[in-house]
Amino acid sequence: MDYNIASIRFAQFKDPTMALILSVIVGSLGVDRFYIGDVGLGVGKLLTCGGAYIWWLIDIFMIQDATKRKNMEMLMMY
């Protein structure tokens, strides 16, 4: 039981506000998706220049929820 609490304490959760800032500034390069751990989507955004900037624009509004979802998935692993 104590091991689970210690492992959650040292887990590297991602900050949704930082993900939003990255999305606005360099989101067309997929850096926001790389930050939260979505490597496949990050590569997709990188190769398509943010989906001709449409994907980038949509991600500005959705990246915070995606970050919270990723943090919750990480928490459920413990």
PDB file of N, CA and C in Angstrom:
ATOM      1  N   MET A   1       0.828  -1.193   0.000  1.00  0.00           N
ATOM      2  CA  MET A   1       0.000   0.000   0.000  1.00  0.00           C
ATOM      3  C   MET A   1       0.875   1.260   0.000  1.00  0.00           C
ATOM      4  N   ASP A   2       1.912   1.282   0.819  1.00  0.00           N
ATOM      5  CA  ASP A   2       2.783   2.451   0.887  1.00  0.00           C
ATOM      6  C   ASP A   2       3.542   2.658  -0.414  1.00  0.00           C
ATOM      7  N   TYR A   3       3.858   1.545  -1.101  1.00  0.00           N
ATOM      8  CA  TYR A   3       4.550   1.646  -2.384  1.00  0.00           C
ATOM      9  C   TYR A   3       3.690   2.363  -3.407  1.00  0.00           C
ATOM     10  N   ASN A   4       2.382   2.096  -3.432  1.00  0.00           N
ATOM     11  CA  ASN A   4       1.475   2.753  -4.371  1.00  0.00           C
ATOM     12  C   ASN A   4       1.390   4.252  -4.110  1.00  0.00           C
ATOM     13  N   ILE A   5       1.337   4.629  -2.863  1.00  0.00           N
ATOM     14  CA  ILE A   5       1.263   6.052  -2.525  1.00  0.00           C
ATOM     15  C   ILE A   5       2.559   6.753  -2.924  1.00  0.00           C
ATOM     16  N   ALA A   6       3.689   6.124  -2.684  1.00  0.00           N
ATOM     17  CA  ALA A   6       4.976   6.725  -3.049  1.00  0.00           C
ATOM     18  C   ALA A   6       5.120   6.830  -4.558  1.00  0.00           C
ATOM     19  N   SER A   7       4.653   5.821  -5.295  1.00  0.00           N
ATOM     20  CA  SER A   7       4.785   5.869  -6.749  1.00  0.00           C
ATOM     21  C   SER A   7       3.878   6.936  -7.352  1.00  0.00           C
ATOM     22  N   ILE A   8       2.717   7.160  -6.787  1.00  0.00           N
ATOM     23  CA  ILE A   8       1.836   8.232  -7.267  1.00  0.00           C
ATOM     24  C   ILE A   8       2.472   9.584  -6.970  1.00  0.00           C
ATOM     25  N   ARG A   9       3.112   9.686  -5.849  1.00  0.00           N
ATOM     26  CA  ARG A   9       3.745  10.952  -5.462  1.00  0.00           C
ATOM     27  C   ARG A   9       4.833  11.366  -6.455  1.00  0.00           C
ATOM     28  N   PHE A  10       5.559  10.392  -6.986  1.00  0.00           N
ATOM     29  CA  PHE A  10       6.656  10.694  -7.900  1.00  0.00           C
ATOM     30  C   PHE A  10       6.262  10.575  -9.372  1.00  0.00           C
ATOM     31  N   ALA A  11       5.001  10.331  -9.636  1.00  0.00           N
ATOM     32  CA  ALA A  11       4.533  10.256 -11.028  1.00  0.00           C
ATOM     33  C   ALA A  11       4.665  11.630 -11.676  1.00  0.00           C
ATOM     34  N   GLN A  12       4.939  11.646 -12.945  1.00  0.00           N
ATOM     35  CA  GLN A  12       5.150  12.898 -13.659  1.00  0.00           C
ATOM     36  C   GLN A  12       3.873  13.293 -14.386  1.00  0.00           C
ATOM     37  N   PHE A  13       2.971  13.944 -13.675  1.00  0.00           N
ATOM     38  CA  PHE A  13       1.740  14.416 -14.289  1.00  0.00           C
ATOM     39  C   PHE A  13       2.031  15.671 -15.104  1.00  0.00           C
ATOM     40  N   LYS A  14       1.306  15.844 -16.188  1.00  0.00           N
ATOM     41  CA  LYS A  14       1.510  16.982 -17.080  1.00  0.00           C
ATOM     42  C   LYS A  14       0.536  18.102 -16.725  1.00  0.00           C
ATOM     43  N   ASP A  15       0.996  19.319 -16.835  1.00  0.00           N
ATOM     44  CA  ASP A  15       0.202  20.493 -16.503  1.00  0.00           C
ATOM     45  C   ASP A  15      -0.655  20.891 -17.708  1.00  0.00           C
ATOM     46  N   PRO A  16      -1.989  20.928 -17.559  1.00  0.00           N
ATOM     47  CA  PRO A  16      -2.850  21.312 -18.677  1.00  0.00           C
ATOM     48  C   PRO A  16      -2.603  22.733 -19.188  1.00  0.00           C
ATOM     49  N   THR A  17      -2.224  23.647 -18.299  1.00  0.00           N
ATOM     50  CA  THR A  17      -1.955  25.016 -18.723  1.00  0.00           C
ATOM     51  C   THR A  17      -0.696  25.080 -19.583  1.00  0.00           C
ATOM     52  N   MET A  18       0.312  24.325 -19.226  1.00  0.00           N
ATOM     53  CA  MET A  18       1.527  24.274 -20.037  1.00  0.00           C
ATOM     54  C   MET A  18       1.232  23.654 -21.402  1.00  0.00           C
ATOM     55  N   ALA A  19       0.367  22.647 -21.426  1.00  0.00           N
ATOM     56  CA  ALA A  19      -0.012  22.034 -22.701  1.00  0.00           C
ATOM     57  C   ALA A  19      -0.739  23.056 -23.581  1.00  0.00           C
ATOM     58  N   LEU A  20      -1.573  23.892 -22.979  1.00  0.00           N
ATOM     59  CA  LEU A  20      -2.267  24.928 -23.746  1.00  0.00           C
ATOM     60  C   LEU A  20      -1.281  25.950 -24.298  1.00  0.00           C
ATOM     61  N   ILE A  21      -0.323  26.368 -23.483  1.00  0.00           N
ATOM     62  CA  ILE A  21       0.676  27.336 -23.945  1.00  0.00           C
ATOM     63  C   ILE A  21       1.490  26.754 -25.090  1.00  0.00           C
ATOM     64  N   LEU A  22       1.907  25.501 -24.952  1.00  0.00           N
ATOM     65  CA  LEU A  22       2.646  24.853 -26.033  1.00  0.00           C
ATOM     66  C   LEU A  22       1.794  24.723 -27.281  1.00  0.00           C
ATOM     67  N   SER A  23       0.507  24.451 -27.105  1.00  0.00           N
ATOM     68  CA  SER A  23      -0.388  24.300 -28.242  1.00  0.00           C
ATOM     69  C   SER A  23      -0.535  25.601 -29.017  1.00  0.00           C
ATOM     70  N   VAL A  24      -0.626  26.699 -28.307  1.00  0.00           N
ATOM     71  CA  VAL A  24      -0.779  27.996 -28.974  1.00  0.00           C
ATOM     72  C   VAL A  24       0.510  28.391 -29.690  1.00  0.00           C
ATOM     73  N   ILE A  25       1.647  28.187 -29.037  1.00  0.00           N
ATOM     74  CA  ILE A  25       2.910  28.675 -29.588  1.00  0.00           C
ATOM     75  C   ILE A  25       3.478  27.747 -30.662  1.00  0.00           C
ATOM     76  N   VAL A  26       3.614  26.465 -30.356  1.00  0.00           N
ATOM     77  CA  VAL A  26       4.241  25.537 -31.303  1.00  0.00           C
ATOM     78  C   VAL A  26       3.364  24.307 -31.575  1.00  0.00           C
ATOM     79  N   GLY A  27       2.075  24.481 -31.453  1.00  0.00           N
ATOM     80  CA  GLY A  27       1.156  23.369 -31.657  1.00  0.00           C
ATOM     81  C   GLY A  27       1.114  22.853 -33.075  1.00  0.00           C
ATOM     82  N   SER A  28       1.414  23.685 -34.044  1.00  0.00           N
ATOM     83  CA  SER A  28       1.398  23.225 -35.434  1.00  0.00           C
ATOM     84  C   SER A  28       2.531  22.243 -35.710  1.00  0.00           C
ATOM     85  N   LEU A  29       3.527  22.207 -34.836  1.00  0.00           N
ATOM     86  CA  LEU A  29       4.625  21.253 -34.966  1.00  0.00           C
ATOM     87  C   LEU A  29       4.394  19.991 -34.138  1.00  0.00           C
ATOM     88  N   GLY A  30       3.282  19.936 -33.416  1.00  0.00           N
ATOM     89  CA  GLY A  30       2.943  18.761 -32.630  1.00  0.00           C
ATOM     90  C   GLY A  30       3.605  18.682 -31.277  1.00  0.00           C
ATOM     91  N   VAL A  31       4.261  19.736 -30.845  1.00  0.00           N
ATOM     92  CA  VAL A  31       4.986  19.715 -29.573  1.00  0.00           C
ATOM     93  C   VAL A  31       4.029  19.479 -28.407  1.00  0.00           C
ATOM     94  N   ASP A  32       2.824  20.008 -28.485  1.00  0.00           N
ATOM     95  CA  ASP A  32       1.852  19.807 -27.414  1.00  0.00           C
ATOM     96  C   ASP A  32       1.502  18.339 -27.250  1.00  0.00           C
ATOM     97  N   ARG A  33       1.373  17.624 -28.340  1.00  0.00           N
ATOM     98  CA  ARG A  33       1.047  16.193 -28.283  1.00  0.00           C
ATOM     99  C   ARG A  33       2.243  15.370 -27.809  1.00  0.00           C
ATOM    100  N   PHE A  34       3.433  15.766 -28.203  1.00  0.00           N
ATOM    101  CA  PHE A  34       4.624  15.095 -27.680  1.00  0.00           C
ATOM    102  C   PHE A  34       4.719  15.300 -26.170  1.00  0.00           C
ATOM    103  N   TYR A  35       4.368  16.481 -25.698  1.00  0.00           N
ATOM    104  CA  TYR A  35       4.443  16.818 -24.276  1.00  0.00           C
ATOM    105  C   TYR A  35       3.549  15.910 -23.432  1.00  0.00           C
ATOM    106  N   ILE A  36       2.339  15.638 -23.907  1.00  0.00           N
ATOM    107  CA  ILE A  36       1.430  14.808 -23.101  1.00  0.00           C
ATOM    108  C   ILE A  36       1.614  13.319 -23.353  1.00  0.00           C
ATOM    109  N   GLY A  37       2.469  12.965 -24.302  1.00  0.00           N
ATOM    110  CA  GLY A  37       2.764  11.566 -24.524  1.00  0.00           C
ATOM    111  C   GLY A  37       2.083  10.937 -25.718  1.00  0.00           C
ATOM    112  N   ASP A  38       1.364  11.698 -26.510  1.00  0.00           N
ATOM    113  CA  ASP A  38       0.735  11.197 -27.730  1.00  0.00           C
ATOM    114  C   ASP A  38       1.724  11.330 -28.885  1.00  0.00           C
ATOM    115  N   VAL A  39       2.688  10.427 -28.942  1.00  0.00           N
ATOM    116  CA  VAL A  39       3.758  10.526 -29.929  1.00  0.00           C
ATOM    117  C   VAL A  39       3.212  10.366 -31.351  1.00  0.00           C
ATOM    118  N   GLY A  40       2.290   9.434 -31.542  1.00  0.00           N
ATOM    119  CA  GLY A  40       1.722   9.212 -32.875  1.00  0.00           C
ATOM    120  C   GLY A  40       0.995  10.439 -33.404  1.00  0.00           C
ATOM    121  N   LEU A  41       0.188  11.063 -32.559  1.00  0.00           N
ATOM    122  CA  LEU A  41      -0.510  12.274 -32.975  1.00  0.00           C
ATOM    123  C   LEU A  41       0.457  13.437 -33.164  1.00  0.00           C
ATOM    124  N   GLY A  42       1.507  13.471 -32.355  1.00  0.00           N
ATOM    125  CA  GLY A  42       2.521  14.515 -32.511  1.00  0.00           C
ATOM    126  C   GLY A  42       3.223  14.414 -33.849  1.00  0.00           C
ATOM    127  N   VAL A  43       3.564  13.196 -34.259  1.00  0.00           N
ATOM    128  CA  VAL A  43       4.203  12.995 -35.562  1.00  0.00           C
ATOM    129  C   VAL A  43       3.238  13.369 -36.682  1.00  0.00           C
ATOM    130  N   GLY A  44       1.973  13.003 -36.514  1.00  0.00           N
ATOM    131  CA  GLY A  44       0.970  13.364 -37.517  1.00  0.00           C
ATOM    132  C   GLY A  44       0.826  14.865 -37.681  1.00  0.00           C
ATOM    133  N   LYS A  45       0.790  15.576 -36.566  1.00  0.00           N
ATOM    134  CA  LYS A  45       0.703  17.034 -36.642  1.00  0.00           C
ATOM    135  C   LYS A  45       1.967  17.640 -37.234  1.00  0.00           C
ATOM    136  N   LEU A  46       3.104  17.053 -36.906  1.00  0.00           N
ATOM    137  CA  LEU A  46       4.373  17.554 -37.421  1.00  0.00           C
ATOM    138  C   LEU A  46       4.449  17.400 -38.937  1.00  0.00           C
ATOM    139  N   LEU A  47       4.049  16.260 -39.440  1.00  0.00           N
ATOM    140  CA  LEU A  47       4.144  15.997 -40.874  1.00  0.00           C
ATOM    141  C   LEU A  47       3.112  16.759 -41.704  1.00  0.00           C
ATOM    142  N   THR A  48       1.999  17.147 -41.081  1.00  0.00           N
ATOM    143  CA  THR A  48       0.945  17.845 -41.829  1.00  0.00           C
ATOM    144  C   THR A  48       0.838  19.324 -41.478  1.00  0.00           C
ATOM    145  N   CYS A  49       1.850  19.833 -40.755  1.00  0.00           N
ATOM    146  CA  CYS A  49       1.829  21.236 -40.294  1.00  0.00           C
ATOM    147  C   CYS A  49       0.542  21.550 -39.524  1.00  0.00           C
ATOM    148  N   GLY A  50       0.250  20.682 -38.581  1.00  0.00           N
ATOM    149  CA  GLY A  50      -0.940  20.896 -37.764  1.00  0.00           C
ATOM    150  C   GLY A  50      -2.211  20.627 -38.530  1.00  0.00           C
ATOM    151  N   GLY A  51      -2.159  19.724 -39.510  1.00  0.00           N
ATOM    152  CA  GLY A  51      -3.346  19.426 -40.308  1.00  0.00           C
ATOM    153  C   GLY A  51      -3.808  20.640 -41.073  1.00  0.00           C
ATOM    154  N   ALA A  52      -2.849  21.289 -41.748  1.00  0.00           N
ATOM    155  CA  ALA A  52      -3.105  22.541 -42.489  1.00  0.00           C
ATOM    156  C   ALA A  52      -3.701  23.595 -41.556  1.00  0.00           C
ATOM    157  N   TYR A  53      -3.208  23.592 -40.320  1.00  0.00           N
ATOM    158  CA  TYR A  53      -3.581  24.528 -39.259  1.00  0.00           C
ATOM    159  C   TYR A  53      -5.012  24.347 -38.747  1.00  0.00           C
ATOM    160  N   ILE A  54      -5.776  23.449 -39.326  1.00  0.00           N
ATOM    161  CA  ILE A  54      -7.131  23.185 -38.823  1.00  0.00           C
ATOM    162  C   ILE A  54      -7.036  22.351 -37.549  1.00  0.00           C
ATOM    163  N   TRP A  55      -6.227  21.284 -37.592  1.00  0.00           N
ATOM    164  CA  TRP A  55      -6.021  20.431 -36.435  1.00  0.00           C
ATOM    165  C   TRP A  55      -5.416  21.250 -35.300  1.00  0.00           C
ATOM    166  N   TRP A  56      -4.502  22.138 -35.633  1.00  0.00           N
ATOM    167  CA  TRP A  56      -3.872  22.997 -34.627  1.00  0.00           C
ATOM    168  C   TRP A  56      -4.926  23.859 -33.933  1.00  0.00           C
ATOM    169  N   LEU A  57      -5.824  24.440 -34.701  1.00  0.00           N
ATOM    170  CA  LEU A  57      -6.861  25.309 -34.140  1.00  0.00           C
ATOM    171  C   LEU A  57      -7.810  24.520 -33.241  1.00  0.00           C
ATOM    172  N   ILE A  58      -8.203  23.350 -33.668  1.00  0.00           N
ATOM    173  CA  ILE A  58      -9.090  22.516 -32.854  1.00  0.00           C
ATOM    174  C   ILE A  58      -8.387  22.079 -31.576  1.00  0.00           C
ATOM    175  N   ASP A  59      -7.120  21.742 -31.684  1.00  0.00           N
ATOM    176  CA  ASP A  59      -6.359  21.284 -30.523  1.00  0.00           C
ATOM    177  C   ASP A  59      -6.182  22.366 -29.465  1.00  0.00           C
ATOM    178  N   ILE A  60      -6.198  23.610 -29.857  1.00  0.00           N
ATOM    179  CA  ILE A  60      -6.105  24.692 -28.870  1.00  0.00           C
ATOM    180  C   ILE A  60      -7.247  24.594 -27.863  1.00  0.00           C
ATOM    181  N   PHE A  61      -8.414  24.188 -28.342  1.00  0.00           N
ATOM    182  CA  PHE A  61      -9.575  24.086 -27.461  1.00  0.00           C
ATOM    183  C   PHE A  61      -9.659  22.738 -26.748  1.00  0.00           C
ATOM    184  N   MET A  62      -9.016  21.715 -27.288  1.00  0.00           N
ATOM    185  CA  MET A  62      -9.179  20.371 -26.747  1.00  0.00           C
ATOM    186  C   MET A  62      -7.965  19.835 -25.996  1.00  0.00           C
ATOM    187  N   ILE A  63      -6.841  20.519 -26.025  1.00  0.00           N
ATOM    188  CA  ILE A  63      -5.612  19.964 -25.459  1.00  0.00           C
ATOM    189  C   ILE A  63      -5.665  19.854 -23.934  1.00  0.00           C
ATOM    190  N   GLN A  64      -6.350  20.758 -23.268  1.00  0.00           N
ATOM    191  CA  GLN A  64      -6.411  20.679 -21.811  1.00  0.00           C
ATOM    192  C   GLN A  64      -7.184  19.441 -21.356  1.00  0.00           C
ATOM    193  N   ASP A  65      -8.279  19.129 -22.025  1.00  0.00           N
ATOM    194  CA  ASP A  65      -9.024  17.918 -21.686  1.00  0.00           C
ATOM    195  C   ASP A  65      -8.215  16.675 -22.002  1.00  0.00           C
ATOM    196  N   ALA A  66      -7.479  16.693 -23.105  1.00  0.00           N
ATOM    197  CA  ALA A  66      -6.635  15.546 -23.461  1.00  0.00           C
ATOM    198  C   ALA A  66      -5.540  15.350 -22.417  1.00  0.00           C
ATOM    199  N   THR A  67      -4.994  16.428 -21.903  1.00  0.00           N
ATOM    200  CA  THR A  67      -3.961  16.338 -20.874  1.00  0.00           C
ATOM    201  C   THR A  67      -4.533  15.758 -19.583  1.00  0.00           C
ATOM    202  N   LYS A  68      -5.711  16.212 -19.201  1.00  0.00           N
ATOM    203  CA  LYS A  68      -6.348  15.674 -17.994  1.00  0.00           C
ATOM    204  C   LYS A  68      -6.672  14.194 -18.157  1.00  0.00           C
ATOM    205  N   ARG A  69      -7.096  13.797 -19.354  1.00  0.00           N
ATOM    206  CA  ARG A  69      -7.384  12.387 -19.628  1.00  0.00           C
ATOM    207  C   ARG A  69      -6.113  11.541 -19.505  1.00  0.00           C
ATOM    208  N   LYS A  70      -5.004  12.033 -20.063  1.00  0.00           N
ATOM    209  CA  LYS A  70      -3.732  11.316 -19.974  1.00  0.00           C
ATOM    210  C   LYS A  70      -3.268  11.199 -18.519  1.00  0.00           C
ATOM    211  N   ASN A  71      -3.444  12.268 -17.734  1.00  0.00           N
ATOM    212  CA  ASN A  71      -3.079  12.217 -16.327  1.00  0.00           C
ATOM    213  C   ASN A  71      -3.936  11.196 -15.586  1.00  0.00           C
ATOM    214  N   MET A  72      -5.217  11.123 -15.922  1.00  0.00           N
ATOM    215  CA  MET A  72      -6.103  10.160 -15.277  1.00  0.00           C
ATOM    216  C   MET A  72      -5.712   8.729 -15.651  1.00  0.00           C
ATOM    217  N   GLU A  73      -5.330   8.507 -16.905  1.00  0.00           N
ATOM    218  CA  GLU A  73      -4.875   7.176 -17.332  1.00  0.00           C
ATOM    219  C   GLU A  73      -3.620   6.775 -16.555  1.00  0.00           C
ATOM    220  N   MET A  74      -2.718   7.728 -16.348  1.00  0.00           N
ATOM    221  CA  MET A  74      -1.497   7.446 -15.600  1.00  0.00           C
ATOM    222  C   MET A  74      -1.831   7.133 -14.150  1.00  0.00           C
ATOM    223  N   LEU A  75      -2.782   7.841 -13.585  1.00  0.00           N
ATOM    224  CA  LEU A  75      -3.184   7.601 -12.205  1.00  0.00           C
ATOM    225  C   LEU A  75      -3.824   6.229 -12.050  1.00  0.00           C
ATOM    226  N   MET A  76      -4.606   5.813 -13.040  1.00  0.00           N
ATOM    227  CA  MET A  76      -5.261   4.506 -12.984  1.00  0.00           C
ATOM    228  C   MET A  76      -4.262   3.354 -13.085  1.00  0.00           C
ATOM    229  N   MET A  77      -3.108   3.598 -13.693  1.00  0.00           N
ATOM    230  CA  MET A  77      -2.088   2.552 -13.761  1.00  0.00           C
ATOM    231  C   MET A  77      -1.565   2.205 -12.367  1.00  0.00           C
ATOM    232  N   TYR A  78      -1.568   3.168 -11.470  1.00  0.00           N
ATOM    233  CA  TYR A  78      -1.077   2.930 -10.113  1.00  0.00           C
ATOM    234  C   TYR A  78      -2.200   2.415  -9.261  1.00  0.00           C
TER     235      TYR A  78
END
